[in-house]
Amino acid sequence: MVEVASTILEFILVFLIIYFGYYLLSYRKLKKYDRKRSPVNIKYLVLRYNLDVVKLGYKRVFKTLMLCDSFIVAFMFTITRFIDNIYVRLLVSFILIFPLFAGVYHLVATYYRKESE
């Protein structure tokens, strides 16, 4: 029971560190939406799912993606924490990161697509 609680606490701590770091480094610098200077994750949603970021709110979509990215990094850290070999840990992370990003971004895009209709 103590191990489960420490794992959950570690997940929350990593999530908060990544989120606040991302907030301090990226969110505070946001200006108006510019197609050429927008982050890659927003470009991906616009090109792949044809979302109208201006209509939905650029900062709102960016905040959602900040939460999703922080969740993905914390989840990957927690899942691979049990692997002791660093090379195997990197290989597992590399294999799992792309489907995890695709799945989470798909859920975000379907949510925003339903909301915009």
PDB file of N, CA and C in Angstrom:
ATOM      1  N   MET A   1       0.816  -1.195   0.000  1.00  0.00           N
ATOM      2  CA  MET A   1       0.000   0.000   0.000  1.00  0.00           C
ATOM      3  C   MET A   1       0.859   1.259   0.000  1.00  0.00           C
ATOM      4  N   VAL A   2       1.951   1.210   0.738  1.00  0.00           N
ATOM      5  CA  VAL A   2       2.848   2.353   0.806  1.00  0.00           C
ATOM      6  C   VAL A   2       3.521   2.570  -0.552  1.00  0.00           C
ATOM      7  N   GLU A   3       3.827   1.470  -1.244  1.00  0.00           N
ATOM      8  CA  GLU A   3       4.463   1.576  -2.555  1.00  0.00           C
ATOM      9  C   GLU A   3       3.529   2.211  -3.582  1.00  0.00           C
ATOM     10  N   VAL A   4       2.259   1.869  -3.510  1.00  0.00           N
ATOM     11  CA  VAL A   4       1.274   2.455  -4.423  1.00  0.00           C
ATOM     12  C   VAL A   4       1.128   3.950  -4.146  1.00  0.00           C
ATOM     13  N   ALA A   5       1.078   4.305  -2.885  1.00  0.00           N
ATOM     14  CA  ALA A   5       0.951   5.717  -2.520  1.00  0.00           C
ATOM     15  C   ALA A   5       2.187   6.505  -2.954  1.00  0.00           C
ATOM     16  N   SER A   6       3.366   5.924  -2.814  1.00  0.00           N
ATOM     17  CA  SER A   6       4.578   6.629  -3.240  1.00  0.00           C
ATOM     18  C   SER A   6       4.636   6.765  -4.760  1.00  0.00           C
ATOM     19  N   THR A   7       4.131   5.768  -5.485  1.00  0.00           N
ATOM     20  CA  THR A   7       4.083   5.856  -6.947  1.00  0.00           C
ATOM     21  C   THR A   7       3.119   6.946  -7.399  1.00  0.00           C
ATOM     22  N   ILE A   8       1.962   7.020  -6.763  1.00  0.00           N
ATOM     23  CA  ILE A   8       0.986   8.062  -7.105  1.00  0.00           C
ATOM     24  C   ILE A   8       1.534   9.440  -6.759  1.00  0.00           C
ATOM     25  N   LEU A   9       2.170   9.567  -5.621  1.00  0.00           N
ATOM     26  CA  LEU A   9       2.780  10.839  -5.234  1.00  0.00           C
ATOM     27  C   LEU A   9       3.883  11.240  -6.205  1.00  0.00           C
ATOM     28  N   GLU A  10       4.671  10.277  -6.638  1.00  0.00           N
ATOM     29  CA  GLU A  10       5.722  10.549  -7.616  1.00  0.00           C
ATOM     30  C   GLU A  10       5.134  11.000  -8.950  1.00  0.00           C
ATOM     31  N   PHE A  11       4.039  10.374  -9.377  1.00  0.00           N
ATOM     32  CA  PHE A  11       3.357  10.770 -10.606  1.00  0.00           C
ATOM     33  C   PHE A  11       2.866  12.210 -10.513  1.00  0.00           C
ATOM     34  N   ILE A  12       2.230  12.536  -9.396  1.00  0.00           N
ATOM     35  CA  ILE A  12       1.706  13.892  -9.209  1.00  0.00           C
ATOM     36  C   ILE A  12       2.837  14.912  -9.159  1.00  0.00           C
ATOM     37  N   LEU A  13       3.915  14.576  -8.512  1.00  0.00           N
ATOM     38  CA  LEU A  13       5.051  15.489  -8.414  1.00  0.00           C
ATOM     39  C   LEU A  13       5.682  15.740  -9.777  1.00  0.00           C
ATOM     40  N   VAL A  14       5.886  14.683 -10.549  1.00  0.00           N
ATOM     41  CA  VAL A  14       6.459  14.845 -11.892  1.00  0.00           C
ATOM     42  C   VAL A  14       5.501  15.640 -12.775  1.00  0.00           C
ATOM     43  N   PHE A  15       4.196  15.361 -12.665  1.00  0.00           N
ATOM     44  CA  PHE A  15       3.199  16.080 -13.441  1.00  0.00           C
ATOM     45  C   PHE A  15       3.252  17.571 -13.142  1.00  0.00           C
ATOM     46  N   LEU A  16       3.291  17.932 -11.875  1.00  0.00           N
ATOM     47  CA  LEU A  16       3.314  19.344 -11.489  1.00  0.00           C
ATOM     48  C   LEU A  16       4.604  20.038 -11.916  1.00  0.00           C
ATOM     49  N   ILE A  17       5.733  19.360 -11.801  1.00  0.00           N
ATOM     50  CA  ILE A  17       7.011  19.953 -12.211  1.00  0.00           C
ATOM     51  C   ILE A  17       7.014  20.225 -13.712  1.00  0.00           C
ATOM     52  N   ILE A  18       6.561  19.252 -14.494  1.00  0.00           N
ATOM     53  CA  ILE A  18       6.519  19.425 -15.948  1.00  0.00           C
ATOM     54  C   ILE A  18       5.522  20.512 -16.326  1.00  0.00           C
ATOM     55  N   TYR A  19       4.362  20.525 -15.694  1.00  0.00           N
ATOM     56  CA  TYR A  19       3.338  21.516 -16.032  1.00  0.00           C
ATOM     57  C   TYR A  19       3.811  22.938 -15.723  1.00  0.00           C
ATOM     58  N   PHE A  20       4.358  23.143 -14.532  1.00  0.00           N
ATOM     59  CA  PHE A  20       4.796  24.491 -14.173  1.00  0.00           C
ATOM     60  C   PHE A  20       6.010  24.924 -14.989  1.00  0.00           C
ATOM     61  N   GLY A  21       6.892  23.990 -15.313  1.00  0.00           N
ATOM     62  CA  GLY A  21       8.015  24.322 -16.189  1.00  0.00           C
ATOM     63  C   GLY A  21       7.537  24.714 -17.570  1.00  0.00           C
ATOM     64  N   TYR A  22       6.584  23.970 -18.088  1.00  0.00           N
ATOM     65  CA  TYR A  22       6.010  24.273 -19.398  1.00  0.00           C
ATOM     66  C   TYR A  22       5.268  25.603 -19.355  1.00  0.00           C
ATOM     67  N   TYR A  23       4.589  25.861 -18.244  1.00  0.00           N
ATOM     68  CA  TYR A  23       3.874  27.131 -18.090  1.00  0.00           C
ATOM     69  C   TYR A  23       4.842  28.308 -18.086  1.00  0.00           C
ATOM     70  N   LEU A  24       5.912  28.195 -17.315  1.00  0.00           N
ATOM     71  CA  LEU A  24       6.867  29.297 -17.204  1.00  0.00           C
ATOM     72  C   LEU A  24       7.635  29.531 -18.494  1.00  0.00           C
ATOM     73  N   LEU A  25       7.949  28.459 -19.215  1.00  0.00           N
ATOM     74  CA  LEU A  25       8.768  28.613 -20.409  1.00  0.00           C
ATOM     75  C   LEU A  25       7.965  28.903 -21.670  1.00  0.00           C
ATOM     76  N   SER A  26       6.728  28.439 -21.756  1.00  0.00           N
ATOM     77  CA  SER A  26       5.982  28.567 -23.010  1.00  0.00           C
ATOM     78  C   SER A  26       4.737  29.421 -22.909  1.00  0.00           C
ATOM     79  N   TYR A  27       3.913  29.172 -21.909  1.00  0.00           N
ATOM     80  CA  TYR A  27       2.597  29.809 -21.875  1.00  0.00           C
ATOM     81  C   TYR A  27       2.683  31.312 -21.655  1.00  0.00           C
ATOM     82  N   ARG A  28       3.602  31.739 -20.842  1.00  0.00           N
ATOM     83  CA  ARG A  28       3.710  33.172 -20.547  1.00  0.00           C
ATOM     84  C   ARG A  28       4.189  33.975 -21.742  1.00  0.00           C
ATOM     85  N   LYS A  29       4.805  33.321 -22.727  1.00  0.00           N
ATOM     86  CA  LYS A  29       5.303  34.011 -23.906  1.00  0.00           C
ATOM     87  C   LYS A  29       4.283  34.072 -25.034  1.00  0.00           C
ATOM     88  N   LEU A  30       3.118  33.463 -24.838  1.00  0.00           N
ATOM     89  CA  LEU A  30       2.120  33.412 -25.909  1.00  0.00           C
ATOM     90  C   LEU A  30       1.576  34.785 -26.235  1.00  0.00           C
ATOM     91  N   LYS A  31       1.452  35.007 -27.502  1.00  0.00           N
ATOM     92  CA  LYS A  31       0.824  36.227 -27.985  1.00  0.00           C
ATOM     93  C   LYS A  31      -0.434  35.810 -28.735  1.00  0.00           C
ATOM     94  N   LYS A  32      -0.681  36.443 -29.822  1.00  0.00           N
ATOM     95  CA  LYS A  32      -1.798  36.136 -30.685  1.00  0.00           C
ATOM     96  C   LYS A  32      -1.445  34.926 -31.554  1.00  0.00           C
ATOM     97  N   TYR A  33      -2.459  34.216 -32.047  1.00  0.00           N
ATOM     98  CA  TYR A  33      -2.226  33.039 -32.881  1.00  0.00           C
ATOM     99  C   TYR A  33      -1.582  33.434 -34.202  1.00  0.00           C
ATOM    100  N   ASP A  34      -0.474  32.787 -34.517  1.00  0.00           N
ATOM    101  CA  ASP A  34       0.218  32.967 -35.787  1.00  0.00           C
ATOM    102  C   ASP A  34       0.525  31.577 -36.339  1.00  0.00           C
ATOM    103  N   ARG A  35       0.043  31.300 -37.531  1.00  0.00           N
ATOM    104  CA  ARG A  35       0.202  29.963 -38.107  1.00  0.00           C
ATOM    105  C   ARG A  35       1.653  29.549 -38.233  1.00  0.00           C
ATOM    106  N   LYS A  36       2.509  30.481 -38.551  1.00  0.00           N
ATOM    107  CA  LYS A  36       3.909  30.147 -38.786  1.00  0.00           C
ATOM    108  C   LYS A  36       4.693  29.945 -37.496  1.00  0.00           C
ATOM    109  N   ARG A  37       4.308  30.629 -36.434  1.00  0.00           N
ATOM    110  CA  ARG A  37       5.065  30.568 -35.188  1.00  0.00           C
ATOM    111  C   ARG A  37       4.379  29.741 -34.105  1.00  0.00           C
ATOM    112  N   SER A  38       3.314  29.040 -34.446  1.00  0.00           N
ATOM    113  CA  SER A  38       2.609  28.249 -33.439  1.00  0.00           C
ATOM    114  C   SER A  38       3.407  26.987 -33.110  1.00  0.00           C
ATOM    115  N   PRO A  39       3.208  26.426 -31.924  1.00  0.00           N
ATOM    116  CA  PRO A  39       3.920  25.210 -31.538  1.00  0.00           C
ATOM    117  C   PRO A  39       3.528  24.020 -32.417  1.00  0.00           C
ATOM    118  N   VAL A  40       4.370  23.013 -32.404  1.00  0.00           N
ATOM    119  CA  VAL A  40       4.184  21.846 -33.266  1.00  0.00           C
ATOM    120  C   VAL A  40       2.909  21.090 -32.911  1.00  0.00           C
ATOM    121  N   ASN A  41       2.585  20.993 -31.635  1.00  0.00           N
ATOM    122  CA  ASN A  41       1.398  20.237 -31.259  1.00  0.00           C
ATOM    123  C   ASN A  41       0.116  20.909 -31.749  1.00  0.00           C
ATOM    124  N   ILE A  42       0.088  22.216 -31.790  1.00  0.00           N
ATOM    125  CA  ILE A  42      -1.089  22.909 -32.319  1.00  0.00           C
ATOM    126  C   ILE A  42      -1.130  22.801 -33.838  1.00  0.00           C
ATOM    127  N   LYS A  43       0.032  22.867 -34.477  1.00  0.00           N
ATOM    128  CA  LYS A  43       0.082  22.666 -35.925  1.00  0.00           C
ATOM    129  C   LYS A  43      -0.424  21.273 -36.289  1.00  0.00           C
ATOM    130  N   TYR A  44      -0.062  20.286 -35.473  1.00  0.00           N
ATOM    131  CA  TYR A  44      -0.514  18.915 -35.711  1.00  0.00           C
ATOM    132  C   TYR A  44      -2.039  18.827 -35.641  1.00  0.00           C
ATOM    133  N   LEU A  45      -2.637  19.432 -34.633  1.00  0.00           N
ATOM    134  CA  LEU A  45      -4.091  19.391 -34.510  1.00  0.00           C
ATOM    135  C   LEU A  45      -4.779  20.121 -35.657  1.00  0.00           C
ATOM    136  N   VAL A  46      -4.200  21.223 -36.092  1.00  0.00           N
ATOM    137  CA  VAL A  46      -4.804  21.990 -37.184  1.00  0.00           C
ATOM    138  C   VAL A  46      -4.711  21.215 -38.497  1.00  0.00           C
ATOM    139  N   LEU A  47      -3.549  20.646 -38.782  1.00  0.00           N
ATOM    140  CA  LEU A  47      -3.368  19.949 -40.054  1.00  0.00           C
ATOM    141  C   LEU A  47      -4.058  18.595 -40.089  1.00  0.00           C
ATOM    142  N   ARG A  48      -3.975  17.852 -39.013  1.00  0.00           N
ATOM    143  CA  ARG A  48      -4.524  16.488 -39.011  1.00  0.00           C
ATOM    144  C   ARG A  48      -6.036  16.471 -38.814  1.00  0.00           C
ATOM    145  N   TYR A  49      -6.548  17.300 -37.920  1.00  0.00           N
ATOM    146  CA  TYR A  49      -7.965  17.248 -37.554  1.00  0.00           C
ATOM    147  C   TYR A  49      -8.761  18.473 -38.011  1.00  0.00           C
ATOM    148  N   ASN A  50      -8.139  19.391 -38.712  1.00  0.00           N
ATOM    149  CA  ASN A  50      -8.797  20.584 -39.246  1.00  0.00           C
ATOM    150  C   ASN A  50      -9.545  21.379 -38.174  1.00  0.00           C
ATOM    151  N   LEU A  51      -8.891  21.594 -37.052  1.00  0.00           N
ATOM    152  CA  LEU A  51      -9.494  22.385 -35.983  1.00  0.00           C
ATOM    153  C   LEU A  51      -9.283  23.869 -36.247  1.00  0.00           C
ATOM    154  N   ASP A  52     -10.272  24.654 -35.933  1.00  0.00           N
ATOM    155  CA  ASP A  52     -10.157  26.108 -36.026  1.00  0.00           C
ATOM    156  C   ASP A  52      -9.736  26.628 -34.656  1.00  0.00           C
ATOM    157  N   VAL A  53      -8.448  26.837 -34.513  1.00  0.00           N
ATOM    158  CA  VAL A  53      -7.881  27.216 -33.220  1.00  0.00           C
ATOM    159  C   VAL A  53      -8.327  28.609 -32.813  1.00  0.00           C
ATOM    160  N   VAL A  54      -8.520  29.484 -33.769  1.00  0.00           N
ATOM    161  CA  VAL A  54      -8.947  30.853 -33.448  1.00  0.00           C
ATOM    162  C   VAL A  54     -10.358  30.835 -32.876  1.00  0.00           C
ATOM    163  N   LYS A  55     -11.229  30.030 -33.473  1.00  0.00           N
ATOM    164  CA  LYS A  55     -12.610  29.938 -33.003  1.00  0.00           C
ATOM    165  C   LYS A  55     -12.693  29.298 -31.610  1.00  0.00           C
ATOM    166  N   LEU A  56     -11.871  28.276 -31.380  1.00  0.00           N
ATOM    167  CA  LEU A  56     -11.882  27.590 -30.088  1.00  0.00           C
ATOM    168  C   LEU A  56     -11.183  28.384 -28.999  1.00  0.00           C
ATOM    169  N   GLY A  57     -10.247  29.190 -29.376  1.00  0.00           N
ATOM    170  CA  GLY A  57      -9.452  29.943 -28.405  1.00  0.00           C
ATOM    171  C   GLY A  57      -8.048  29.366 -28.341  1.00  0.00           C
ATOM    172  N   TYR A  58      -7.095  30.112 -28.837  1.00  0.00           N
ATOM    173  CA  TYR A  58      -5.712  29.641 -28.937  1.00  0.00           C
ATOM    174  C   TYR A  58      -5.135  29.303 -27.569  1.00  0.00           C
ATOM    175  N   LYS A  59      -5.313  30.182 -26.610  1.00  0.00           N
ATOM    176  CA  LYS A  59      -4.752  29.937 -25.274  1.00  0.00           C
ATOM    177  C   LYS A  59      -5.441  28.767 -24.584  1.00  0.00           C
ATOM    178  N   ARG A  60      -6.720  28.603 -24.827  1.00  0.00           N
ATOM    179  CA  ARG A  60      -7.457  27.493 -24.222  1.00  0.00           C
ATOM    180  C   ARG A  60      -6.969  26.146 -24.759  1.00  0.00           C
ATOM    181  N   VAL A  61      -6.768  26.074 -26.068  1.00  0.00           N
ATOM    182  CA  VAL A  61      -6.256  24.848 -26.672  1.00  0.00           C
ATOM    183  C   VAL A  61      -4.837  24.588 -26.194  1.00  0.00           C
ATOM    184  N   PHE A  62      -4.041  25.643 -26.084  1.00  0.00           N
ATOM    185  CA  PHE A  62      -2.666  25.481 -25.617  1.00  0.00           C
ATOM    186  C   PHE A  62      -2.627  24.990 -24.175  1.00  0.00           C
ATOM    187  N   LYS A  63      -3.503  25.497 -23.326  1.00  0.00           N
ATOM    188  CA  LYS A  63      -3.571  25.025 -21.939  1.00  0.00           C
ATOM    189  C   LYS A  63      -3.935  23.542 -21.880  1.00  0.00           C
ATOM    190  N   THR A  64      -4.895  23.135 -22.704  1.00  0.00           N
ATOM    191  CA  THR A  64      -5.288  21.730 -22.740  1.00  0.00           C
ATOM    192  C   THR A  64      -4.121  20.855 -23.180  1.00  0.00           C
ATOM    193  N   LEU A  65      -3.393  21.303 -24.180  1.00  0.00           N
ATOM    194  CA  LEU A  65      -2.251  20.529 -24.646  1.00  0.00           C
ATOM    195  C   LEU A  65      -1.112  20.527 -23.633  1.00  0.00           C
ATOM    196  N   MET A  66      -0.983  21.591 -22.853  1.00  0.00           N
ATOM    197  CA  MET A  66      -0.001  21.589 -21.773  1.00  0.00           C
ATOM    198  C   MET A  66      -0.337  20.518 -20.744  1.00  0.00           C
ATOM    199  N   LEU A  67      -1.605  20.422 -20.382  1.00  0.00           N
ATOM    200  CA  LEU A  67      -2.034  19.384 -19.445  1.00  0.00           C
ATOM    201  C   LEU A  67      -1.793  17.993 -20.012  1.00  0.00           C
ATOM    202  N   CYS A  68      -2.123  17.809 -21.277  1.00  0.00           N
ATOM    203  CA  CYS A  68      -1.950  16.501 -21.915  1.00  0.00           C
ATOM    204  C   CYS A  68      -0.477  16.114 -22.003  1.00  0.00           C
ATOM    205  N   ASP A  69       0.370  17.041 -22.405  1.00  0.00           N
ATOM    206  CA  ASP A  69       1.800  16.751 -22.495  1.00  0.00           C
ATOM    207  C   ASP A  69       2.391  16.438 -21.129  1.00  0.00           C
ATOM    208  N   SER A  70       1.977  17.170 -20.122  1.00  0.00           N
ATOM    209  CA  SER A  70       2.464  16.902 -18.768  1.00  0.00           C
ATOM    210  C   SER A  70       2.002  15.530 -18.293  1.00  0.00           C
ATOM    211  N   PHE A  71       0.760  15.185 -18.601  1.00  0.00           N
ATOM    212  CA  PHE A  71       0.255  13.863 -18.233  1.00  0.00           C
ATOM    213  C   PHE A  71       1.037  12.765 -18.938  1.00  0.00           C
ATOM    214  N   ILE A  72       1.322  12.947 -20.203  1.00  0.00           N
ATOM    215  CA  ILE A  72       2.037  11.918 -20.962  1.00  0.00           C
ATOM    216  C   ILE A  72       3.443  11.715 -20.417  1.00  0.00           C
ATOM    217  N   VAL A  73       4.144  12.787 -20.134  1.00  0.00           N
ATOM    218  CA  VAL A  73       5.508  12.672 -19.609  1.00  0.00           C
ATOM    219  C   VAL A  73       5.500  12.026 -18.224  1.00  0.00           C
ATOM    220  N   ALA A  74       4.588  12.432 -17.369  1.00  0.00           N
ATOM    221  CA  ALA A  74       4.508  11.839 -16.024  1.00  0.00           C
ATOM    222  C   ALA A  74       4.115  10.372 -16.102  1.00  0.00           C
ATOM    223  N   PHE A  75       3.213  10.036 -17.002  1.00  0.00           N
ATOM    224  CA  PHE A  75       2.790   8.647 -17.173  1.00  0.00           C
ATOM    225  C   PHE A  75       3.947   7.793 -17.674  1.00  0.00           C
ATOM    226  N   MET A  76       4.685   8.288 -18.648  1.00  0.00           N
ATOM    227  CA  MET A  76       5.833   7.547 -19.167  1.00  0.00           C
ATOM    228  C   MET A  76       6.902   7.370 -18.098  1.00  0.00           C
ATOM    229  N   PHE A  77       7.128   8.394 -17.305  1.00  0.00           N
ATOM    230  CA  PHE A  77       8.108   8.296 -16.232  1.00  0.00           C
ATOM    231  C   PHE A  77       7.680   7.252 -15.207  1.00  0.00           C
ATOM    232  N   THR A  78       6.403   7.239 -14.864  1.00  0.00           N
ATOM    233  CA  THR A  78       5.905   6.302 -13.868  1.00  0.00           C
ATOM    234  C   THR A  78       5.923   4.868 -14.397  1.00  0.00           C
ATOM    235  N   ILE A  79       5.559   4.687 -15.651  1.00  0.00           N
ATOM    236  CA  ILE A  79       5.535   3.343 -16.232  1.00  0.00           C
ATOM    237  C   ILE A  79       6.940   2.763 -16.350  1.00  0.00           C
ATOM    238  N   THR A  80       7.885   3.568 -16.784  1.00  0.00           N
ATOM    239  CA  THR A  80       9.239   3.056 -17.001  1.00  0.00           C
ATOM    240  C   THR A  80      10.123   3.144 -15.765  1.00  0.00           C
ATOM    241  N   ARG A  81       9.583   3.566 -14.664  1.00  0.00           N
ATOM    242  CA  ARG A  81      10.365   3.685 -13.433  1.00  0.00           C
ATOM    243  C   ARG A  81      10.856   2.333 -12.940  1.00  0.00           C
ATOM    244  N   PHE A  82      10.141   1.294 -13.245  1.00  0.00           N
ATOM    245  CA  PHE A  82      10.471  -0.031 -12.727  1.00  0.00           C
ATOM    246  C   PHE A  82      11.573  -0.719 -13.533  1.00  0.00           C
ATOM    247  N   ILE A  83      11.949  -0.171 -14.670  1.00  0.00           N
ATOM    248  CA  ILE A  83      12.995  -0.758 -15.507  1.00  0.00           C
ATOM    249  C   ILE A  83      14.336  -0.183 -15.068  1.00  0.00           C
ATOM    250  N   ASP A  84      15.252  -1.074 -14.701  1.00  0.00           N
ATOM    251  CA  ASP A  84      16.528  -0.630 -14.159  1.00  0.00           C
ATOM    252  C   ASP A  84      17.550  -0.293 -15.246  1.00  0.00           C
ATOM    253  N   ASN A  85      17.556  -1.034 -16.333  1.00  0.00           N
ATOM    254  CA  ASN A  85      18.511  -0.799 -17.400  1.00  0.00           C
ATOM    255  C   ASN A  85      18.102   0.439 -18.196  1.00  0.00           C
ATOM    256  N   ILE A  86      19.008   1.392 -18.311  1.00  0.00           N
ATOM    257  CA  ILE A  86      18.670   2.668 -18.941  1.00  0.00           C
ATOM    258  C   ILE A  86      18.388   2.510 -20.426  1.00  0.00           C
ATOM    259  N   TYR A  87      19.090   1.607 -21.101  1.00  0.00           N
ATOM    260  CA  TYR A  87      18.881   1.422 -22.535  1.00  0.00           C
ATOM    261  C   TYR A  87      17.529   0.783 -22.821  1.00  0.00           C
ATOM    262  N   VAL A  88      17.155  -0.181 -22.007  1.00  0.00           N
ATOM    263  CA  VAL A  88      15.844  -0.806 -22.171  1.00  0.00           C
ATOM    264  C   VAL A  88      14.746   0.199 -21.831  1.00  0.00           C
ATOM    265  N   ARG A  89      14.990   1.007 -20.828  1.00  0.00           N
ATOM    266  CA  ARG A  89      14.013   2.038 -20.445  1.00  0.00           C
ATOM    267  C   ARG A  89      13.797   3.047 -21.576  1.00  0.00           C
ATOM    268  N   LEU A  90      14.875   3.471 -22.216  1.00  0.00           N
ATOM    269  CA  LEU A  90      14.761   4.383 -23.347  1.00  0.00           C
ATOM    270  C   LEU A  90      14.058   3.723 -24.527  1.00  0.00           C
ATOM    271  N   LEU A  91      14.347   2.453 -24.781  1.00  0.00           N
ATOM    272  CA  LEU A  91      13.696   1.739 -25.870  1.00  0.00           C
ATOM    273  C   LEU A  91      12.196   1.604 -25.624  1.00  0.00           C
ATOM    274  N   VAL A  92      11.815   1.242 -24.421  1.00  0.00           N
ATOM    275  CA  VAL A  92      10.392   1.114 -24.081  1.00  0.00           C
ATOM    276  C   VAL A  92       9.705   2.478 -24.179  1.00  0.00           C
ATOM    277  N   SER A  93      10.363   3.507 -23.699  1.00  0.00           N
ATOM    278  CA  SER A  93       9.784   4.850 -23.787  1.00  0.00           C
ATOM    279  C   SER A  93       9.614   5.281 -25.231  1.00  0.00           C
ATOM    280  N   PHE A  94      10.603   4.999 -26.064  1.00  0.00           N
ATOM    281  CA  PHE A  94      10.528   5.364 -27.468  1.00  0.00           C
ATOM    282  C   PHE A  94       9.406   4.623 -28.176  1.00  0.00           C
ATOM    283  N   ILE A  95       9.204   3.370 -27.831  1.00  0.00           N
ATOM    284  CA  ILE A  95       8.140   2.582 -28.454  1.00  0.00           C
ATOM    285  C   ILE A  95       6.770   3.061 -28.000  1.00  0.00           C
ATOM    286  N   LEU A  96       6.616   3.408 -26.735  1.00  0.00           N
ATOM    287  CA  LEU A  96       5.309   3.780 -26.193  1.00  0.00           C
ATOM    288  C   LEU A  96       4.924   5.240 -26.420  1.00  0.00           C
ATOM    289  N   ILE A  97       5.886   6.111 -26.673  1.00  0.00           N
ATOM    290  CA  ILE A  97       5.574   7.537 -26.693  1.00  0.00           C
ATOM    291  C   ILE A  97       4.708   7.935 -27.884  1.00  0.00           C
ATOM    292  N   PHE A  98       4.953   7.358 -29.045  1.00  0.00           N
ATOM    293  CA  PHE A  98       4.200   7.761 -30.232  1.00  0.00           C
ATOM    294  C   PHE A  98       2.743   7.335 -30.190  1.00  0.00           C
ATOM    295  N   PRO A  99       2.426   6.094 -29.838  1.00  0.00           N
ATOM    296  CA  PRO A  99       0.999   5.766 -29.716  1.00  0.00           C
ATOM    297  C   PRO A  99       0.301   6.533 -28.604  1.00  0.00           C
ATOM    298  N   LEU A 100       1.020   6.830 -27.530  1.00  0.00           N
ATOM    299  CA  LEU A 100       0.424   7.572 -26.434  1.00  0.00           C
ATOM    300  C   LEU A 100       0.096   9.009 -26.858  1.00  0.00           C
ATOM    301  N   PHE A 101       1.022   9.670 -27.527  1.00  0.00           N
ATOM    302  CA  PHE A 101       0.748  11.013 -28.042  1.00  0.00           C
ATOM    303  C   PHE A 101      -0.394  10.993 -29.044  1.00  0.00           C
ATOM    304  N   ALA A 102      -0.377  10.036 -29.962  1.00  0.00           N
ATOM    305  CA  ALA A 102      -1.431   9.967 -30.977  1.00  0.00           C
ATOM    306  C   ALA A 102      -2.796   9.736 -30.340  1.00  0.00           C
ATOM    307  N   GLY A 103      -2.860   8.856 -29.355  1.00  0.00           N
ATOM    308  CA  GLY A 103      -4.135   8.574 -28.692  1.00  0.00           C
ATOM    309  C   GLY A 103      -4.674   9.750 -27.909  1.00  0.00           C
ATOM    310  N   VAL A 104      -3.825  10.384 -27.139  1.00  0.00           N
ATOM    311  CA  VAL A 104      -4.269  11.517 -26.321  1.00  0.00           C
ATOM    312  C   VAL A 104      -4.650  12.700 -27.208  1.00  0.00           C
ATOM    313  N   TYR A 105      -3.866  12.965 -28.234  1.00  0.00           N
ATOM    314  CA  TYR A 105      -4.195  14.075 -29.128  1.00  0.00           C
ATOM    315  C   TYR A 105      -5.461  13.789 -29.921  1.00  0.00           C
ATOM    316  N   HIS A 106      -5.706  12.529 -30.235  1.00  0.00           N
ATOM    317  CA  HIS A 106      -6.957  12.174 -30.912  1.00  0.00           C
ATOM    318  C   HIS A 106      -8.159  12.465 -30.008  1.00  0.00           C
ATOM    319  N   LEU A 107      -8.041  12.118 -28.723  1.00  0.00           N
ATOM    320  CA  LEU A 107      -9.124  12.409 -27.782  1.00  0.00           C
ATOM    321  C   LEU A 107      -9.360  13.915 -27.640  1.00  0.00           C
ATOM    322  N   VAL A 108      -8.293  14.685 -27.587  1.00  0.00           N
ATOM    323  CA  VAL A 108      -8.421  16.138 -27.483  1.00  0.00           C
ATOM    324  C   VAL A 108      -9.083  16.698 -28.738  1.00  0.00           C
ATOM    325  N   ALA A 109      -8.668  16.203 -29.901  1.00  0.00           N
ATOM    326  CA  ALA A 109      -9.232  16.707 -31.151  1.00  0.00           C
ATOM    327  C   ALA A 109     -10.703  16.346 -31.294  1.00  0.00           C
ATOM    328  N   THR A 110     -11.090  15.143 -30.902  1.00  0.00           N
ATOM    329  CA  THR A 110     -12.513  14.784 -30.989  1.00  0.00           C
ATOM    330  C   THR A 110     -13.333  15.602 -30.002  1.00  0.00           C
ATOM    331  N   TYR A 111     -12.781  15.898 -28.840  1.00  0.00           N
ATOM    332  CA  TYR A 111     -13.489  16.735 -27.875  1.00  0.00           C
ATOM    333  C   TYR A 111     -13.723  18.132 -28.452  1.00  0.00           C
ATOM    334  N   TYR A 112     -12.678  18.731 -28.989  1.00  0.00           N
ATOM    335  CA  TYR A 112     -12.820  20.070 -29.543  1.00  0.00           C
ATOM    336  C   TYR A 112     -13.659  20.085 -30.813  1.00  0.00           C
ATOM    337  N   ARG A 113     -13.602  19.023 -31.585  1.00  0.00           N
ATOM    338  CA  ARG A 113     -14.425  18.960 -32.793  1.00  0.00           C
ATOM    339  C   ARG A 113     -15.908  18.895 -32.429  1.00  0.00           C
ATOM    340  N   LYS A 114     -16.257  18.106 -31.404  1.00  0.00           N
ATOM    341  CA  LYS A 114     -17.643  18.037 -30.953  1.00  0.00           C
ATOM    342  C   LYS A 114     -18.089  19.364 -30.349  1.00  0.00           C
ATOM    343  N   GLU A 115     -17.194  20.016 -29.662  1.00  0.00           N
ATOM    344  CA  GLU A 115     -17.539  21.292 -29.035  1.00  0.00           C
ATOM    345  C   GLU A 115     -17.754  22.390 -30.068  1.00  0.00           C
ATOM    346  N   SER A 116     -17.023  22.347 -31.154  1.00  0.00           N
ATOM    347  CA  SER A 116     -17.148  23.403 -32.158  1.00  0.00           C
ATOM    348  C   SER A 116     -18.407  23.236 -33.018  1.00  0.00           C
ATOM    349  N   GLU A 117     -19.010  22.058 -33.003  1.00  0.00           N
ATOM    350  CA  GLU A 117     -20.235  21.854 -33.798  1.00  0.00           C
ATOM    351  C   GLU A 117     -21.472  22.289 -33.090  1.00  0.00           C
TER     352      GLU A 117
END
